[in-house]
N, C-alpha and C. Protein backbone atom coordinates (compact mmCIF):
# COMPACT_ATOMS: atom_id res chain seq x y z
N MET A 1 103.03 95.89 192.61
CA MET A 1 104.27 95.19 192.76
C MET A 1 105.39 96.03 192.17
N LYS A 2 106.52 96.11 192.89
CA LYS A 2 107.66 96.90 192.42
C LYS A 2 108.42 96.17 191.32
N LYS A 3 108.96 96.93 190.38
CA LYS A 3 109.82 96.35 189.35
C LYS A 3 111.17 96.01 189.98
N PRO A 4 111.84 94.96 189.48
CA PRO A 4 113.16 94.62 190.03
C PRO A 4 114.15 95.76 189.76
N PHE A 5 115.06 95.95 190.69
CA PHE A 5 116.02 97.04 190.59
C PHE A 5 116.98 96.82 189.42
N ASN A 6 117.51 95.60 189.28
CA ASN A 6 118.45 95.30 188.22
C ASN A 6 117.99 94.03 187.50
N PRO A 7 117.34 94.14 186.35
CA PRO A 7 116.79 92.97 185.68
C PRO A 7 117.84 92.13 184.91
N VAL A 8 119.12 92.47 185.01
CA VAL A 8 120.16 91.74 184.30
C VAL A 8 120.40 90.40 184.99
N ILE A 9 120.45 89.32 184.20
CA ILE A 9 120.70 88.00 184.74
C ILE A 9 122.19 87.87 185.04
N PRO A 10 122.56 87.50 186.25
CA PRO A 10 123.99 87.40 186.59
C PRO A 10 124.67 86.24 185.88
N ASP A 11 125.97 86.39 185.62
CA ASP A 11 126.78 85.37 184.96
C ASP A 11 127.49 84.55 186.03
N TYR A 12 127.12 83.28 186.16
CA TYR A 12 127.70 82.43 187.19
C TYR A 12 128.81 81.52 186.67
N THR A 13 129.32 81.78 185.46
CA THR A 13 130.41 80.95 184.95
C THR A 13 131.68 81.24 185.74
N PRO A 14 132.51 80.22 185.97
CA PRO A 14 133.73 80.43 186.75
C PRO A 14 134.66 81.42 186.05
N LYS A 15 135.26 82.30 186.80
CA LYS A 15 136.18 83.30 186.24
C LYS A 15 137.53 82.64 185.97
N GLY A 16 138.23 83.13 184.97
CA GLY A 16 139.57 82.66 184.68
C GLY A 16 139.63 81.51 183.69
N GLN A 17 138.52 80.89 183.35
CA GLN A 17 138.55 79.83 182.35
C GLN A 17 138.29 80.42 180.98
N LYS A 18 139.18 80.11 180.05
CA LYS A 18 139.03 80.60 178.69
C LYS A 18 138.26 79.58 177.87
N GLU A 19 137.43 80.07 176.98
CA GLU A 19 136.70 79.18 176.09
C GLU A 19 137.63 78.71 174.98
N ALA A 20 137.46 77.49 174.56
CA ALA A 20 138.29 76.94 173.49
C ALA A 20 137.91 77.59 172.17
N GLU A 21 138.94 77.94 171.38
CA GLU A 21 138.69 78.54 170.08
C GLU A 21 138.30 77.46 169.07
N VAL A 22 137.47 77.82 168.16
CA VAL A 22 137.04 76.90 167.12
C VAL A 22 138.05 76.95 165.98
N THR A 23 138.52 75.81 165.56
CA THR A 23 139.44 75.76 164.42
C THR A 23 138.72 75.07 163.26
N LEU A 24 138.73 75.73 162.13
CA LEU A 24 138.08 75.20 160.94
C LEU A 24 139.11 74.52 160.05
N THR A 25 138.77 73.38 159.54
CA THR A 25 139.64 72.68 158.60
C THR A 25 138.94 72.63 157.25
N PHE A 26 139.67 73.02 156.22
CA PHE A 26 139.12 73.06 154.87
C PHE A 26 139.81 72.01 154.02
N LYS A 27 139.04 71.39 153.14
CA LYS A 27 139.59 70.45 152.18
C LYS A 27 140.19 71.26 151.03
N PRO A 28 141.11 70.68 150.27
CA PRO A 28 141.68 71.38 149.11
C PRO A 28 140.60 71.72 148.07
N CYS A 29 140.91 72.65 147.21
CA CYS A 29 140.00 73.07 146.15
C CYS A 29 139.61 71.86 145.31
N CYS A 30 138.33 71.73 144.98
CA CYS A 30 137.85 70.57 144.23
C CYS A 30 138.21 70.64 142.75
N VAL A 31 138.78 71.77 142.28
CA VAL A 31 139.16 71.90 140.87
C VAL A 31 140.68 71.80 140.71
N CYS A 32 141.42 72.63 141.47
CA CYS A 32 142.87 72.70 141.27
C CYS A 32 143.68 72.13 142.44
N ASN A 33 143.03 71.64 143.49
CA ASN A 33 143.67 71.04 144.66
C ASN A 33 144.60 71.99 145.42
N THR A 34 144.34 73.29 145.34
CA THR A 34 145.08 74.27 146.12
C THR A 34 144.63 74.20 147.57
N VAL A 35 145.58 74.34 148.50
CA VAL A 35 145.24 74.32 149.92
C VAL A 35 144.48 75.60 150.27
N ILE A 36 143.33 75.47 150.89
CA ILE A 36 142.49 76.61 151.26
C ILE A 36 142.68 76.88 152.75
N THR A 37 143.06 78.12 153.10
CA THR A 37 143.32 78.45 154.50
C THR A 37 142.28 79.39 155.08
N ALA A 38 141.79 80.34 154.32
CA ALA A 38 140.89 81.37 154.86
C ALA A 38 139.42 80.97 154.77
N GLY A 39 139.03 80.30 153.72
CA GLY A 39 137.63 79.93 153.53
C GLY A 39 137.35 79.66 152.07
N TYR A 40 136.25 78.98 151.81
CA TYR A 40 135.88 78.64 150.44
C TYR A 40 135.35 79.87 149.71
N TYR A 41 135.65 79.95 148.41
CA TYR A 41 135.02 80.96 147.57
C TYR A 41 133.60 80.53 147.25
N GLY A 42 133.44 79.25 146.94
CA GLY A 42 132.13 78.67 146.68
C GLY A 42 132.09 77.27 147.28
N ARG A 43 130.92 76.88 147.73
CA ARG A 43 130.77 75.59 148.41
C ARG A 43 130.10 74.60 147.47
N TRP A 44 130.70 73.41 147.32
CA TRP A 44 130.17 72.36 146.45
C TRP A 44 130.18 71.05 147.20
N GLY A 45 129.04 70.57 147.60
CA GLY A 45 128.93 69.27 148.26
C GLY A 45 129.78 69.18 149.51
N ASP A 46 130.81 68.34 149.46
CA ASP A 46 131.66 68.13 150.62
C ASP A 46 132.94 68.95 150.55
N GLY A 47 133.09 69.80 149.56
CA GLY A 47 134.29 70.60 149.40
C GLY A 47 133.94 71.99 148.91
N GLY A 48 134.91 72.64 148.27
CA GLY A 48 134.65 73.97 147.77
C GLY A 48 135.73 74.42 146.81
N THR A 49 135.57 75.64 146.29
CA THR A 49 136.52 76.20 145.35
C THR A 49 137.30 77.33 146.01
N CYS A 50 138.47 77.64 145.43
CA CYS A 50 139.36 78.63 146.04
C CYS A 50 139.24 80.02 145.41
N SER A 51 138.75 80.12 144.18
CA SER A 51 138.71 81.41 143.50
C SER A 51 137.55 81.47 142.51
N GLY A 52 137.37 82.64 141.92
CA GLY A 52 136.31 82.81 140.93
C GLY A 52 136.54 82.00 139.68
N LYS A 53 137.81 81.85 139.30
CA LYS A 53 138.13 81.07 138.11
C LYS A 53 137.78 79.59 138.33
N CYS A 54 138.13 79.07 139.50
CA CYS A 54 137.80 77.67 139.82
C CYS A 54 136.29 77.50 139.97
N GLU A 55 135.61 78.51 140.48
CA GLU A 55 134.16 78.45 140.63
C GLU A 55 133.48 78.34 139.26
N ALA A 56 133.94 79.14 138.29
CA ALA A 56 133.37 79.08 136.94
C ALA A 56 133.64 77.72 136.30
N THR A 57 134.85 77.19 136.51
CA THR A 57 135.18 75.86 135.98
C THR A 57 134.29 74.80 136.60
N ARG A 58 134.05 74.88 137.90
CA ARG A 58 133.22 73.89 138.59
C ARG A 58 131.77 73.97 138.12
N GLN A 59 131.27 75.19 137.87
CA GLN A 59 129.91 75.34 137.36
C GLN A 59 129.79 74.72 135.98
N ASP A 60 130.81 74.92 135.14
CA ASP A 60 130.81 74.31 133.81
C ASP A 60 130.84 72.79 133.91
N MET A 61 131.62 72.26 134.86
CA MET A 61 131.67 70.82 135.07
C MET A 61 130.30 70.29 135.47
N GLN A 62 129.60 71.03 136.32
CA GLN A 62 128.28 70.61 136.79
C GLN A 62 127.30 70.57 135.61
N LEU A 63 127.34 71.58 134.76
CA LEU A 63 126.45 71.60 133.59
C LEU A 63 126.79 70.45 132.64
N TYR A 64 128.07 70.16 132.47
CA TYR A 64 128.50 69.07 131.60
C TYR A 64 128.01 67.72 132.13
N LEU A 65 128.10 67.54 133.44
CA LEU A 65 127.65 66.28 134.05
C LEU A 65 126.15 66.10 133.92
N LYS A 66 125.38 67.19 133.98
CA LYS A 66 123.93 67.11 133.81
C LYS A 66 123.57 66.71 132.39
N GLU A 67 124.36 67.17 131.40
CA GLU A 67 124.10 66.83 130.00
C GLU A 67 124.35 65.35 129.74
N LEU A 68 125.31 64.75 130.46
CA LEU A 68 125.63 63.36 130.25
C LEU A 68 124.54 62.42 130.77
N LYS A 69 123.76 62.85 131.70
CA LYS A 69 122.71 61.99 132.29
C LYS A 69 121.54 61.81 131.39
């Protein structure tokens, strides 16, 4: 049996239609409430931190909350 001449699967999507861009929405920093536009520095539950300083503060808060339990 002969091998197929062109094994590439053709693209049958309609030409001229642009795919919708994905837009990400970020919640404010969970420590200082700064508006985050580019992305989280660190992710915490349903939110995140904006910088290394806020990340260290959030980690300390987490350790403090564990001690209270």
